[in-house]
Amino acid sequence: MRFAGSGIVIVLMLSPELQTQDSMEQNSRNTNYQFWRQDNHPIVLITAPFINQKLEYIHNNPVVAGIVDKAEEYVYSSARDYFNGKQCGLLEVELL
């Protein structure tokens, strides 16, 4: 898997219909092509509203992906614990 990005670039170069602006972008850290995002930097979770915003975002990922209709329906999520206000998921969760 070390050269997965290089293989993807080759496929994109041979298939212009698959290319997007972001997929063929060059930048100072990558002299050829940028495929993987480089903006996944850690964020300090300081305030309760900010933590809740991020938690809601994570809980809603399965909904956005179309896996479930409601976040609390996803079996691998702590959303069901937060929705019910008690431990009911697969793992023990300390509610924030």
Protein backbone atom coordinates (compact mmCIF):
# COMPACT_ATOMS: atom_id res chain seq x y z
CA MET A 1 0.00 0.00 0.00
CA ARG A 2 2.97 2.33 0.16
CA PHE A 3 2.49 3.47 -3.41
CA ALA A 4 -1.31 3.57 -3.43
CA GLY A 5 -1.32 7.33 -4.08
CA SER A 6 1.04 6.93 -7.06
CA GLY A 7 -1.18 4.24 -8.53
CA ILE A 8 -4.24 6.44 -8.16
CA VAL A 9 -2.46 9.33 -9.90
CA ILE A 10 -1.61 7.05 -12.84
CA VAL A 11 -5.24 5.96 -13.14
CA LEU A 12 -6.41 9.58 -12.97
CA MET A 13 -3.90 10.66 -15.62
CA LEU A 14 -5.10 7.89 -17.95
CA SER A 15 -8.78 8.61 -17.24
CA PRO A 16 -9.49 12.34 -17.58
CA GLU A 17 -13.20 11.78 -16.88
CA LEU A 18 -12.27 10.78 -13.30
CA GLN A 19 -10.15 13.86 -12.64
CA THR A 20 -11.29 16.60 -10.32
CA GLN A 21 -9.60 19.89 -9.56
CA ASP A 22 -8.53 18.66 -6.12
CA SER A 23 -7.26 15.28 -7.28
CA MET A 24 -4.61 16.70 -9.61
CA GLU A 25 -3.52 19.66 -7.50
CA GLN A 26 0.16 20.39 -6.84
CA ASN A 27 1.49 22.10 -3.73
CA SER A 28 4.76 22.99 -2.01
CA ARG A 29 4.83 19.80 0.07
CA ASN A 30 4.12 17.53 -2.86
CA THR A 31 6.03 18.30 -6.05
CA ASN A 32 4.03 15.91 -8.23
CA TYR A 33 0.35 15.60 -7.36
CA GLN A 34 -1.66 15.93 -4.18
CA PHE A 35 -4.19 13.17 -3.71
CA TRP A 36 -4.49 12.79 0.07
CA ARG A 37 -5.76 15.72 2.13
CA GLN A 38 -3.15 17.48 4.23
CA ASP A 39 -5.47 19.48 6.46
CA ASN A 40 -6.30 16.82 9.04
CA HIS A 41 -4.61 18.57 11.94
CA PRO A 42 -5.64 17.91 15.55
CA ILE A 43 -8.07 20.40 17.07
CA VAL A 44 -8.14 21.12 20.80
CA LEU A 45 -11.64 20.53 22.15
CA ILE A 46 -11.98 23.25 24.77
CA THR A 47 -15.57 24.42 25.08
CA ALA A 48 -18.65 22.27 25.63
CA PRO A 49 -20.48 23.65 22.55
CA PHE A 50 -17.45 22.89 20.36
CA ILE A 51 -17.19 19.35 21.76
CA ASN A 52 -20.92 18.80 21.18
CA GLN A 53 -20.61 20.07 17.61
CA LYS A 54 -17.82 17.58 16.83
CA LEU A 55 -19.64 14.75 18.60
CA GLU A 56 -22.80 15.47 16.60
CA TYR A 57 -20.77 15.52 13.39
CA ILE A 58 -19.25 12.11 14.19
CA HIS A 59 -22.61 10.65 15.21
CA ASN A 60 -24.23 11.86 11.98
CA ASN A 61 -21.63 10.33 9.64
CA PRO A 62 -23.59 7.04 9.24
CA VAL A 63 -26.75 9.06 8.51
CA VAL A 64 -25.00 11.16 5.85
CA ALA A 65 -23.54 7.98 4.36
CA GLY A 66 -27.06 6.54 4.08
CA ILE A 67 -26.35 3.58 6.37
CA VAL A 68 -29.12 4.48 8.86
CA ASP A 69 -31.96 6.98 9.06
CA LYS A 70 -31.16 8.13 12.61
CA ALA A 71 -27.75 8.35 14.30
CA GLU A 72 -28.92 6.31 17.30
CA GLU A 73 -29.77 3.38 14.98
CA TYR A 74 -26.12 2.77 14.07
CA VAL A 75 -24.97 -0.15 16.19
CA TYR A 76 -21.28 0.90 16.25
CA SER A 77 -21.96 4.44 17.46
CA SER A 78 -22.17 6.00 20.90
CA ALA A 79 -25.09 8.08 19.57
CA ARG A 80 -27.50 5.52 21.00
CA ASP A 81 -25.97 6.02 24.46
CA TYR A 82 -26.40 9.80 24.20
CA PHE A 83 -29.92 9.46 22.79
CA ASN A 84 -31.05 7.16 25.64
CA GLY A 85 -28.95 8.87 28.31
CA LYS A 86 -27.54 5.56 29.49
CA GLN A 87 -25.24 2.71 28.50
CA CYS A 88 -26.92 0.68 25.75
CA GLY A 89 -24.30 0.37 23.00
CA LEU A 90 -21.66 -2.25 22.36
CA LEU A 91 -18.97 -0.54 24.44
CA GLU A 92 -19.10 1.27 27.74
CA VAL A 93 -19.19 5.01 27.11
CA GLU A 94 -18.59 7.86 29.52
CA LEU A 95 -21.12 10.50 28.48
CA LEU A 96 -19.76 14.04 28.26
